């Protein structure tokens, strides 16, 4: 029998898997994962996630390789500010949820007092 914590974690994983596979076409989410790894660099992502840099390089540049749910989980754990964008393609800067494009624009505007930081 699973503990209540394990049951909760299993339920959360099942919900994520359902959303990952059925709610949105996988290709769109895969594209965002690849874009984020390219934006941050495979080396930086590897350092923050603890997963191999070669894996992240493959994810970023080899379209024949499928992105795994473990890759998505590792990205969200290491970079929670991109979670909403990775899952749904949306941003909510007020809640700290950004995209690479938003982060880039925010950095460029920072000197003009127009960004969120």
C-alpha atoms as a PDB file:
ATOM      1  CA  UNK A   1       0.000   0.000   0.000  1.00  0.00           C
ATOM      2  CA  UNK A   2       1.280   3.459  -0.903  1.00  0.00           C
ATOM      3  CA  UNK A   3       1.688   6.155   1.712  1.00  0.00           C
ATOM      4  CA  UNK A   4      -0.539   9.206   1.371  1.00  0.00           C
ATOM      5  CA  UNK A   5       2.453  11.242   0.121  1.00  0.00           C
ATOM      6  CA  UNK A   6       3.251   8.613  -2.524  1.00  0.00           C
ATOM      7  CA  UNK A   7      -0.413   8.501  -3.532  1.00  0.00           C
ATOM      8  CA  UNK A   8      -0.484  12.286  -3.928  1.00  0.00           C
ATOM      9  CA  UNK A   9       2.733  12.238  -5.975  1.00  0.00           C
ATOM     10  CA  UNK A  10       1.356   9.442  -8.165  1.00  0.00           C
ATOM     11  CA  UNK A  11      -1.864  11.383  -8.723  1.00  0.00           C
ATOM     12  CA  UNK A  12       0.042  14.556  -9.611  1.00  0.00           C
ATOM     13  CA  UNK A  13       2.223  12.628 -12.048  1.00  0.00           C
ATOM     14  CA  UNK A  14      -0.835  10.995 -13.624  1.00  0.00           C
ATOM     15  CA  UNK A  15      -2.496  14.408 -14.031  1.00  0.00           C
ATOM     16  CA  UNK A  16       0.653  15.842 -15.616  1.00  0.00           C
ATOM     17  CA  UNK A  17       0.944  12.870 -17.931  1.00  0.00           C
ATOM     18  CA  UNK A  18      -2.697  13.226 -18.982  1.00  0.00           C
ATOM     19  CA  UNK A  19      -2.202  16.911 -19.736  1.00  0.00           C
ATOM     20  CA  UNK A  20       1.122  16.223 -21.413  1.00  0.00           C
ATOM     21  CA  UNK A  21      -0.306  13.594 -23.749  1.00  0.00           C
ATOM     22  CA  UNK A  22      -3.894  14.612 -24.372  1.00  0.00           C
ATOM     23  CA  UNK A  23      -4.675  18.264 -23.773  1.00  0.00           C
ATOM     24  CA  UNK A  24      -2.131  19.812 -26.128  1.00  0.00           C
ATOM     25  CA  UNK A  25      -0.343  18.277 -29.087  1.00  0.00           C
ATOM     26  CA  UNK A  26       3.030  17.080 -27.899  1.00  0.00           C
ATOM     27  CA  UNK A  27       4.871  18.802 -30.725  1.00  0.00           C
ATOM     28  CA  UNK A  28       4.062  22.267 -29.431  1.00  0.00           C
ATOM     29  CA  UNK A  29       5.311  21.459 -25.951  1.00  0.00           C
ATOM     30  CA  UNK A  30       8.389  19.733 -27.352  1.00  0.00           C
ATOM     31  CA  UNK A  31       9.146  22.856 -29.357  1.00  0.00           C
ATOM     32  CA  UNK A  32       9.013  24.974 -26.184  1.00  0.00           C
ATOM     33  CA  UNK A  33      11.260  22.543 -24.301  1.00  0.00           C
ATOM     34  CA  UNK A  34      13.793  22.613 -27.134  1.00  0.00           C
ATOM     35  CA  UNK A  35      13.607  26.415 -27.343  1.00  0.00           C
ATOM     36  CA  UNK A  36      14.212  26.784 -23.603  1.00  0.00           C
ATOM     37  CA  UNK A  37      17.227  24.472 -23.653  1.00  0.00           C
ATOM     38  CA  UNK A  38      18.673  26.380 -26.622  1.00  0.00           C
ATOM     39  CA  UNK A  39      17.994  29.724 -24.910  1.00  0.00           C
ATOM     40  CA  UNK A  40      19.587  28.708 -21.605  1.00  0.00           C
ATOM     41  CA  UNK A  41      22.259  26.442 -23.210  1.00  0.00           C
ATOM     42  CA  UNK A  42      22.574  22.691 -22.729  1.00  0.00           C
ATOM     43  CA  UNK A  43      25.542  23.224 -20.385  1.00  0.00           C
ATOM     44  CA  UNK A  44      23.584  25.527 -18.047  1.00  0.00           C
ATOM     45  CA  UNK A  45      20.537  23.236 -18.077  1.00  0.00           C
ATOM     46  CA  UNK A  46      22.760  20.236 -17.309  1.00  0.00           C
ATOM     47  CA  UNK A  47      24.372  22.047 -14.399  1.00  0.00           C
ATOM     48  CA  UNK A  48      21.022  23.032 -12.863  1.00  0.00           C
ATOM     49  CA  UNK A  49      19.217  19.723 -13.495  1.00  0.00           C
ATOM     50  CA  UNK A  50      22.045  17.291 -12.847  1.00  0.00           C
ATOM     51  CA  UNK A  51      21.268  15.504 -16.123  1.00  0.00           C
ATOM     52  CA  UNK A  52      23.935  14.926 -18.757  1.00  0.00           C
ATOM     53  CA  UNK A  53      24.860  17.868 -21.004  1.00  0.00           C
ATOM     54  CA  UNK A  54      24.877  15.586 -24.045  1.00  0.00           C
ATOM     55  CA  UNK A  55      21.250  14.673 -23.377  1.00  0.00           C
ATOM     56  CA  UNK A  56      20.269  18.337 -23.301  1.00  0.00           C
ATOM     57  CA  UNK A  57      22.273  19.032 -26.472  1.00  0.00           C
ATOM     58  CA  UNK A  58      20.431  16.191 -28.176  1.00  0.00           C
ATOM     59  CA  UNK A  59      17.066  17.452 -26.929  1.00  0.00           C
ATOM     60  CA  UNK A  60      17.856  20.948 -28.197  1.00  0.00           C
ATOM     61  CA  UNK A  61      19.141  20.059 -31.646  1.00  0.00           C
ATOM     62  CA  UNK A  62      18.039  16.569 -32.736  1.00  0.00           C
ATOM     63  CA  UNK A  63      14.387  16.666 -33.768  1.00  0.00           C
ATOM     64  CA  UNK A  64      14.353  12.876 -34.222  1.00  0.00           C
ATOM     65  CA  UNK A  65      14.852  12.410 -30.476  1.00  0.00           C
ATOM     66  CA  UNK A  66      11.689  12.469 -28.394  1.00  0.00           C
ATOM     67  CA  UNK A  67      11.529  14.644 -25.307  1.00  0.00           C
ATOM     68  CA  UNK A  68      10.769  12.581 -22.205  1.00  0.00           C
ATOM     69  CA  UNK A  69       8.456  13.573 -19.389  1.00  0.00           C
ATOM     70  CA  UNK A  70      11.518  13.250 -17.137  1.00  0.00           C
ATOM     71  CA  UNK A  71      13.129  16.038 -19.184  1.00  0.00           C
ATOM     72  CA  UNK A  72      10.119  18.280 -18.619  1.00  0.00           C
ATOM     73  CA  UNK A  73      10.061  17.492 -14.896  1.00  0.00           C
ATOM     74  CA  UNK A  74      13.778  18.273 -14.577  1.00  0.00           C
ATOM     75  CA  UNK A  75      13.353  21.607 -16.379  1.00  0.00           C
ATOM     76  CA  UNK A  76      10.419  22.633 -14.202  1.00  0.00           C
ATOM     77  CA  UNK A  77      12.270  21.643 -11.027  1.00  0.00           C
ATOM     78  CA  UNK A  78      15.377  23.614 -12.017  1.00  0.00           C
ATOM     79  CA  UNK A  79      13.613  26.555 -13.683  1.00  0.00           C
ATOM     80  CA  UNK A  80      10.157  26.960 -12.095  1.00  0.00           C
ATOM     81  CA  UNK A  81       9.721  30.407 -13.638  1.00  0.00           C
ATOM     82  CA  UNK A  82       9.172  28.716 -17.030  1.00  0.00           C
ATOM     83  CA  UNK A  83       6.571  26.140 -15.870  1.00  0.00           C
ATOM     84  CA  UNK A  84       3.437  27.857 -17.171  1.00  0.00           C
ATOM     85  CA  UNK A  85       5.102  28.609 -20.491  1.00  0.00           C
ATOM     86  CA  UNK A  86       6.369  25.032 -20.867  1.00  0.00           C
ATOM     87  CA  UNK A  87       2.971  23.528 -20.088  1.00  0.00           C
ATOM     88  CA  UNK A  88       0.617  25.963 -21.799  1.00  0.00           C
ATOM     89  CA  UNK A  89       2.660  28.464 -23.792  1.00  0.00           C
ATOM     90  CA  UNK A  90       1.447  31.283 -21.528  1.00  0.00           C
ATOM     91  CA  UNK A  91       3.188  33.814 -19.282  1.00  0.00           C
ATOM     92  CA  UNK A  92       2.061  35.496 -16.069  1.00  0.00           C
ATOM     93  CA  UNK A  93       4.826  37.902 -15.025  1.00  0.00           C
ATOM     94  CA  UNK A  94       2.859  38.964 -11.960  1.00  0.00           C
ATOM     95  CA  UNK A  95       3.220  35.412 -10.658  1.00  0.00           C
ATOM     96  CA  UNK A  96       6.832  35.089 -11.825  1.00  0.00           C
ATOM     97  CA  UNK A  97       5.928  32.904 -14.822  1.00  0.00           C
ATOM     98  CA  UNK A  98       7.893  33.944 -17.908  1.00  0.00           C
ATOM     99  CA  UNK A  99       9.072  32.661 -21.291  1.00  0.00           C
ATOM    100  CA  UNK A 100      12.502  32.995 -22.890  1.00  0.00           C
ATOM    101  CA  UNK A 101      11.172  35.740 -25.179  1.00  0.00           C
ATOM    102  CA  UNK A 102       9.718  37.599 -22.199  1.00  0.00           C
ATOM    103  CA  UNK A 103      12.968  37.258 -20.253  1.00  0.00           C
ATOM    104  CA  UNK A 104      14.960  38.563 -23.218  1.00  0.00           C
ATOM    105  CA  UNK A 105      12.625  41.522 -23.749  1.00  0.00           C
ATOM    106  CA  UNK A 106      12.616  42.272 -20.029  1.00  0.00           C
ATOM    107  CA  UNK A 107      16.424  42.384 -19.971  1.00  0.00           C
ATOM    108  CA  UNK A 108      16.528  44.748 -22.949  1.00  0.00           C
ATOM    109  CA  UNK A 109      13.962  47.056 -21.368  1.00  0.00           C
ATOM    110  CA  UNK A 110      15.509  47.048 -17.893  1.00  0.00           C
ATOM    111  CA  UNK A 111      17.612  50.120 -18.649  1.00  0.00           C
ATOM    112  CA  UNK A 112      14.528  51.945 -19.867  1.00  0.00           C
ATOM    113  CA  UNK A 113      12.504  51.320 -16.681  1.00  0.00           C
ATOM    114  CA  UNK A 114       9.892  49.394 -18.666  1.00  0.00           C
ATOM    115  CA  UNK A 115      10.467  45.786 -17.628  1.00  0.00           C
ATOM    116  CA  UNK A 116       9.085  43.949 -14.643  1.00  0.00           C
ATOM    117  CA  UNK A 117      12.417  43.995 -12.795  1.00  0.00           C
END
